[in-house]
Amino acid sequence: MDDRYHPGPLQPLRASESLRLFSATTRSPPTPAARPFQQIDTMATALFESYKQWAEGMDVMLMDWVDPTLRYRLSPMQDYFLADFGTVFAVCVGYLTFVVVATLVMKSGMPALNTAPLQFIYNPIQVVLCSYMTVEAILQARRNDYSATPCNAFNHENPVMGNLMYIFYLSKVLDFCDTFFIVMGKKWKQLSVLHVYHHVTVFFCYWANFRTSYDGDLYMTIVLNGGVHAIMYMYYFVSSHTREIWWKPYLTTVQMIQFLLMNAQGYLMVSRSCPGMPYKISVMYLIYVQSLFWLFMNFFVVNYCLSSRKPKAVEAEKKKKTL
């Protein structure tokens, strides 16, 4: 028996049925001028549906590979905004596209934009946000008797750090503004491979953490990264008011200490095979913070060690010529 709704002679049409009949009777065939746009719309819809289907398949494949126990599916945050792979991948591609296209446009003769007013607001917001996340992670850890070393309790269905981890993950989207200010201000010395690599990969990595490792030992990452970023954005805010900042060289040192502590954390998580934390995530976390450590180490050596020797070498060469 066909159980679909069939309105009788005295039965009112449902709203959806009325809309369908109205559309069918009022829809006119497209004009020759509108046909190309209709074809583009049809192709765009088909392309979007194809991308959506591919992204959903990738989401399941990646998450099942990272966490074969499938416990990540117990997370109450699986349907949060920016939780799906399709959106995350699109954001990463959009970010890289902006870096390439905007850089070419700005280098083609476009004048630099004055981003100082925006940064005057942006930097204090980042200081407050990063400070809040750092303090909140410490307080939550103390309330739940977390240790400074792995392996801490992991609650898949009611995570202690879940909401804070989500805020921390979203803050990485806000961090993309750093690149916007650099490119639009034409500050090319700051636009390095390290900068772009760090921003796009940290966003993707914390998406994976948000999906599968959203409780327990992750609090230490929020404390370390949030604390260092609070100091960094404080430096950016101060540097907009004065050029002479005596503690500037120590900023990279603080970042290096952060990565050393993260490396120690990653090593302990891998060696102890902490329950609740997917083992592959622990391994990937360790490899990732290792890459950041060596990249920042190279940056520190080139900018603070070798650069300080060059003036001395030039002076010595001048003295030799005068003798």
Protein backbone atom coordinates (compact mmCIF):
# COMPACT_ATOMS: atom_id res chain seq x y z
CA MET A 1 0.00 0.00 0.00
CA ASP A 2 1.27 3.43 -0.91
CA ASP A 3 1.46 5.31 2.41
CA ARG A 4 2.38 8.63 0.84
CA TYR A 5 0.15 11.58 1.60
CA HIS A 6 -2.72 11.95 -0.91
CA PRO A 7 -4.94 14.94 -0.14
CA GLY A 8 -8.62 14.27 -0.67
CA PRO A 9 -11.14 16.74 -2.06
CA LEU A 10 -11.82 18.21 1.39
CA GLN A 11 -8.32 17.81 2.83
CA PRO A 12 -5.97 20.81 2.88
CA LEU A 13 -2.68 20.49 1.12
CA ARG A 14 0.41 20.21 3.28
CA ALA A 15 2.78 23.17 3.14
CA SER A 16 5.47 21.19 1.33
CA GLU A 17 2.95 19.84 -1.18
CA SER A 18 1.54 23.30 -1.80
CA LEU A 19 5.01 24.70 -2.39
CA ARG A 20 5.83 21.88 -4.82
CA LEU A 21 2.63 22.40 -6.83
CA PHE A 22 3.08 26.17 -6.79
CA SER A 23 6.64 25.85 -8.05
CA ALA A 24 5.58 23.41 -10.75
CA THR A 25 2.84 25.73 -12.04
CA THR A 26 4.79 28.99 -11.82
CA ARG A 27 8.21 27.78 -12.98
CA SER A 28 8.94 29.02 -16.46
CA PRO A 29 11.50 27.54 -18.82
CA PRO A 30 14.87 29.31 -18.69
CA THR A 31 15.54 31.94 -21.29
CA PRO A 32 18.47 31.40 -23.67
CA ALA A 33 20.47 34.01 -21.74
CA ALA A 34 19.85 32.23 -18.42
CA ARG A 35 20.72 28.72 -19.61
CA PRO A 36 24.51 29.07 -19.16
CA PHE A 37 23.97 30.21 -15.57
CA GLN A 38 21.63 27.28 -14.96
CA GLN A 39 24.26 24.90 -16.31
CA ILE A 40 26.91 26.46 -14.05
CA ASP A 41 24.57 26.14 -11.08
CA THR A 42 23.92 22.48 -11.90
CA MET A 43 27.64 21.76 -12.28
CA ALA A 44 28.45 23.58 -9.02
CA THR A 45 25.80 21.60 -7.16
CA ALA A 46 27.10 18.31 -8.56
CA LEU A 47 30.68 19.29 -7.70
CA PHE A 48 29.71 20.22 -4.16
CA GLU A 49 27.84 16.95 -3.64
CA SER A 50 30.82 15.02 -5.01
CA TYR A 51 33.20 16.86 -2.65
CA LYS A 52 30.88 16.31 0.29
CA GLN A 53 30.69 12.58 -0.42
CA TRP A 54 34.49 12.34 -0.76
CA ALA A 55 35.07 14.33 2.43
CA GLU A 56 32.66 12.20 4.45
CA GLY A 57 34.45 9.07 3.28
CA MET A 58 37.84 10.56 4.15
CA ASP A 59 36.55 11.60 7.57
CA VAL A 60 35.50 8.07 8.45
CA MET A 61 38.63 6.52 6.95
CA LEU A 62 41.03 8.86 8.80
CA MET A 63 39.28 8.65 12.15
CA ASP A 64 38.92 4.87 11.98
CA TRP A 65 42.61 4.58 11.12
CA VAL A 66 43.69 6.87 13.95
CA ASP A 67 41.41 5.23 16.51
CA PRO A 68 40.61 1.62 15.48
CA THR A 69 38.69 1.16 18.76
CA LEU A 70 36.12 3.66 17.37
CA ARG A 71 35.83 5.24 20.82
CA TYR A 72 36.11 8.65 19.19
CA ARG A 73 32.49 8.17 18.09
CA LEU A 74 31.43 8.47 21.73
CA SER A 75 32.48 12.12 21.77
CA PRO A 76 29.56 14.51 22.36
CA MET A 77 31.32 17.01 20.08
CA GLN A 78 31.40 15.06 16.82
CA ASP A 79 28.78 17.32 15.23
CA TYR A 80 30.20 20.65 16.40
CA PHE A 81 30.99 23.42 13.94
CA LEU A 82 34.29 22.75 12.10
CA ALA A 83 34.38 19.18 13.37
CA ASP A 84 34.06 17.50 9.95
CA PHE A 85 37.00 16.81 7.66
CA GLY A 86 35.39 18.48 4.65
CA THR A 87 35.24 21.89 6.31
CA VAL A 88 38.73 21.56 7.80
CA PHE A 89 40.25 20.59 4.45
CA ALA A 90 38.48 23.49 2.74
CA VAL A 91 39.83 25.92 5.37
CA CYS A 92 43.39 24.65 4.87
CA VAL A 93 43.14 24.90 1.08
CA GLY A 94 41.58 28.35 1.39
CA TYR A 95 44.39 29.50 3.69
CA LEU A 96 47.14 28.29 1.34
CA THR A 97 45.32 29.80 -1.65
CA PHE A 98 45.13 33.13 0.13
CA VAL A 99 48.85 33.05 0.92
CA VAL A 100 49.79 32.42 -2.72
CA VAL A 101 47.24 34.65 -4.46
CA ALA A 102 47.36 37.56 -2.00
CA THR A 103 51.16 37.54 -2.03
CA LEU A 104 51.24 37.72 -5.84
CA VAL A 105 48.66 40.52 -5.85
CA MET A 106 50.44 42.57 -3.17
CA LYS A 107 53.81 42.12 -4.89
CA SER A 108 52.37 43.22 -8.24
CA GLY A 109 52.29 46.85 -7.11
CA MET A 110 49.48 47.07 -4.59
CA PRO A 111 50.31 49.45 -1.72
CA ALA A 112 50.65 47.99 1.75
CA LEU A 113 47.61 48.31 3.99
CA ASN A 114 47.83 49.93 7.40
CA THR A 115 46.83 47.03 9.64
CA ALA A 116 47.93 48.73 12.88
CA PRO A 117 44.37 49.70 13.99
CA LEU A 118 43.17 46.11 13.55
CA GLN A 119 46.22 44.68 15.31
CA PHE A 120 45.73 47.14 18.16
CA ILE A 121 42.45 45.32 18.86
CA TYR A 122 43.48 41.84 17.73
CA ASN A 123 46.58 41.40 19.91
CA PRO A 124 44.89 42.18 23.27
CA ILE A 125 42.03 39.83 22.33
CA GLN A 126 44.57 37.06 21.75
CA VAL A 127 46.33 37.83 25.04
CA VAL A 128 43.06 37.57 26.98
CA LEU A 129 41.89 34.45 25.12
CA CYS A 130 45.19 32.57 25.45
CA SER A 131 45.52 33.54 29.11
CA TYR A 132 42.00 32.33 29.81
CA MET A 133 42.61 28.96 28.13
CA THR A 134 45.87 28.49 30.03
CA VAL A 135 44.37 29.31 33.44
CA GLU A 136 41.20 27.29 32.77
CA ALA A 137 43.22 24.22 31.76
CA ILE A 138 45.27 24.45 34.97
CA LEU A 139 42.16 24.85 37.13
CA GLN A 140 40.37 21.93 35.46
CA ALA A 141 43.47 19.77 35.87
CA ARG A 142 43.70 20.58 39.59
CA ARG A 143 39.99 19.95 40.18
CA ASN A 144 40.28 16.52 38.60
CA ASP A 145 43.62 15.57 40.20
CA TYR A 146 45.52 15.45 36.93
CA SER A 147 49.23 14.77 37.03
CA ALA A 148 51.85 16.82 35.18
CA THR A 149 52.90 13.62 33.40
CA PRO A 150 50.86 11.15 31.33
CA CYS A 151 48.62 9.11 31.70
CA ASN A 152 45.61 11.01 33.10
CA ALA A 153 41.99 9.88 33.15
CA PHE A 154 40.20 10.07 29.80
CA ASN A 155 36.40 10.30 29.73
CA HIS A 156 35.11 9.66 26.21
CA GLU A 157 31.43 10.46 26.82
CA ASN A 158 31.73 13.32 29.32
CA PRO A 159 35.19 14.86 28.76
CA VAL A 160 36.50 17.25 31.39
CA MET A 161 38.55 19.19 28.85
CA GLY A 162 36.10 18.82 25.95
CA ASN A 163 34.66 22.33 25.72
CA LEU A 164 38.00 23.96 26.48
CA MET A 165 39.65 21.85 23.79
CA TYR A 166 37.01 23.03 21.33
CA ILE A 167 37.73 26.68 22.16
CA PHE A 168 41.45 26.01 21.84
CA TYR A 169 40.92 24.37 18.45
CA LEU A 170 38.80 27.29 17.19
CA SER A 171 41.48 29.73 18.36
CA LYS A 172 43.74 28.27 15.68
CA VAL A 173 41.36 29.68 13.08
CA LEU A 174 41.76 33.10 14.67
CA ASP A 175 45.54 32.67 14.42
CA PHE A 176 45.24 32.79 10.63
CA CYS A 177 44.83 36.56 11.03
CA ASP A 178 48.59 36.68 11.69
CA THR A 179 49.20 35.75 8.06
CA PHE A 180 46.60 38.25 6.86
CA PHE A 181 48.40 41.09 8.64
CA ILE A 182 51.78 40.00 7.27
CA VAL A 183 50.65 39.71 3.65
CA MET A 184 48.44 42.80 3.53
CA GLY A 185 51.11 44.82 5.33
CA LYS A 186 53.79 43.49 2.92
CA LYS A 187 56.05 42.40 5.76
CA TRP A 188 57.77 39.78 3.64
CA LYS A 189 60.56 38.99 6.11
CA GLN A 190 57.93 37.52 8.43
CA LEU A 191 56.29 35.37 5.73
CA SER A 192 58.50 32.30 5.98
CA VAL A 193 57.94 28.64 5.18
CA LEU A 194 58.03 28.03 8.93
CA HIS A 195 55.20 30.52 9.48
CA VAL A 196 52.90 28.98 6.86
CA TYR A 197 53.79 25.39 7.81
CA HIS A 198 53.17 26.09 11.48
CA HIS A 199 49.78 27.73 11.00
CA VAL A 200 48.26 25.22 8.58
CA THR A 201 49.59 22.08 10.27
CA VAL A 202 48.80 23.12 13.83
CA PHE A 203 45.20 23.75 12.78
CA PHE A 204 44.93 20.32 11.14
CA CYS A 205 46.69 18.52 14.00
CA TYR A 206 44.48 20.05 16.66
CA TRP A 207 41.46 19.08 14.60
CA ALA A 208 42.62 15.47 14.88
CA ASN A 209 43.19 15.96 18.61
CA PHE A 210 39.77 17.57 19.02
CA ARG A 211 38.13 14.59 17.32
CA THR A 212 40.00 11.77 19.06
CA SER A 213 42.08 13.06 22.01
CA TYR A 214 39.84 15.67 23.57
CA ASP A 215 40.45 14.89 27.25
CA GLY A 216 43.08 13.79 29.73
CA ASP A 217 46.69 14.54 28.85
CA LEU A 218 45.74 17.11 26.25
CA TYR A 219 45.42 19.73 28.99
CA MET A 220 49.20 20.10 29.12
CA THR A 221 49.27 21.08 25.45
CA ILE A 222 46.72 23.82 26.12
CA VAL A 223 48.74 25.08 29.10
CA LEU A 224 52.05 25.18 27.22
CA ASN A 225 50.81 26.46 23.87
CA GLY A 226 48.27 28.87 25.33
CA GLY A 227 50.79 30.30 27.79
CA VAL A 228 53.45 30.86 25.15
CA HIS A 229 50.96 32.46 22.77
CA ALA A 230 49.80 34.84 25.51
CA ILE A 231 53.43 36.00 25.87
CA MET A 232 53.87 36.25 22.10
CA TYR A 233 50.81 38.42 21.54
CA MET A 234 51.80 40.57 24.48
CA TYR A 235 55.12 41.10 22.69
CA TYR A 236 53.33 42.00 19.44
CA PHE A 237 51.18 44.52 21.31
CA VAL A 238 54.16 46.10 23.08
CA SER A 239 56.22 46.19 19.86
CA SER A 240 53.54 48.33 18.23
CA HIS A 241 54.34 51.03 20.80
CA THR A 242 58.12 50.74 21.05
CA ARG A 243 60.94 49.23 19.01
CA GLU A 244 63.39 48.51 21.81
CA ILE A 245 62.21 45.36 23.59
CA TRP A 246 65.03 43.83 25.60
CA TRP A 247 63.32 40.47 26.01
CA LYS A 248 62.74 39.88 22.27
CA PRO A 249 65.56 37.27 21.88
CA TYR A 250 64.15 35.32 24.80
CA LEU A 251 60.81 34.89 23.03
CA THR A 252 62.18 32.20 20.72
CA THR A 253 63.91 30.60 23.72
CA VAL A 254 60.55 30.35 25.49
CA GLN A 255 59.11 28.69 22.37
CA MET A 256 62.00 26.22 22.31
CA ILE A 257 61.37 25.33 25.96
CA GLN A 258 57.72 24.79 25.08
CA PHE A 259 58.64 22.34 22.31
CA LEU A 260 61.11 20.52 24.57
CA LEU A 261 58.39 19.99 27.17
CA MET A 262 55.96 18.87 24.46
CA ASN A 263 58.56 16.43 23.17
CA ALA A 264 58.95 15.00 26.66
CA GLN A 265 55.18 14.72 26.96
CA GLY A 266 54.90 12.99 23.58
CA TYR A 267 57.70 10.56 24.41
CA LEU A 268 56.03 9.59 27.70
CA MET A 269 52.64 9.13 26.03
CA VAL A 270 54.18 6.86 23.40
CA SER A 271 56.34 4.86 25.82
CA ARG A 272 53.52 4.39 28.32
CA SER A 273 50.79 3.70 25.72
CA CYS A 274 48.31 5.71 27.77
CA PRO A 275 44.81 4.18 27.84
CA GLY A 276 42.13 6.36 26.28
CA MET A 277 44.61 8.23 24.11
CA PRO A 278 44.86 6.64 20.63
CA TYR A 279 48.40 5.35 20.23
CA LYS A 280 48.73 6.65 16.66
CA ILE A 281 47.79 10.14 17.83
CA SER A 282 50.55 9.99 20.46
CA VAL A 283 53.10 8.97 17.81
CA MET A 284 51.93 11.65 15.37
CA TYR A 285 52.01 14.24 18.16
CA LEU A 286 55.61 13.35 19.01
CA ILE A 287 56.72 13.49 15.37
CA TYR A 288 54.96 16.81 14.83
CA VAL A 289 56.44 18.59 17.86
CA GLN A 290 59.83 17.21 16.83
CA SER A 291 59.47 18.90 13.45
CA LEU A 292 58.49 22.19 15.09
CA PHE A 293 61.42 21.99 17.50
CA TRP A 294 64.02 21.62 14.75
CA LEU A 295 62.42 24.23 12.51
CA PHE A 296 62.36 26.78 15.33
CA MET A 297 65.89 25.78 16.32
CA ASN A 298 67.03 26.56 12.78
CA PHE A 299 65.19 29.89 12.93
CA PHE A 300 66.85 30.75 16.25
CA VAL A 301 70.35 29.89 15.03
CA VAL A 302 70.00 31.81 11.75
CA ASN A 303 68.41 34.92 13.23
CA TYR A 304 70.14 35.25 16.59
CA CYS A 305 73.39 33.28 16.50
CA LEU A 306 74.72 33.66 12.96
CA SER A 307 73.36 37.19 12.49
CA SER A 308 75.15 38.40 15.63
CA ARG A 309 78.45 37.03 14.33
CA LYS A 310 78.26 38.77 10.96
CA PRO A 311 78.82 42.33 12.28
CA LYS A 312 81.81 41.10 14.31
CA ALA A 313 83.26 39.39 11.24
CA VAL A 314 82.82 42.56 9.18
CA GLU A 315 84.56 44.67 11.84
CA ALA A 316 87.45 42.20 12.02
CA GLU A 317 87.83 42.32 8.24
CA LYS A 318 87.90 46.12 8.30
CA LYS A 319 90.64 46.11 10.96
CA LYS A 320 92.76 43.76 8.84
CA LYS A 321 92.46 46.08 5.86
CA THR A 322 93.49 49.14 7.89
CA LEU A 323 96.62 47.46 9.30
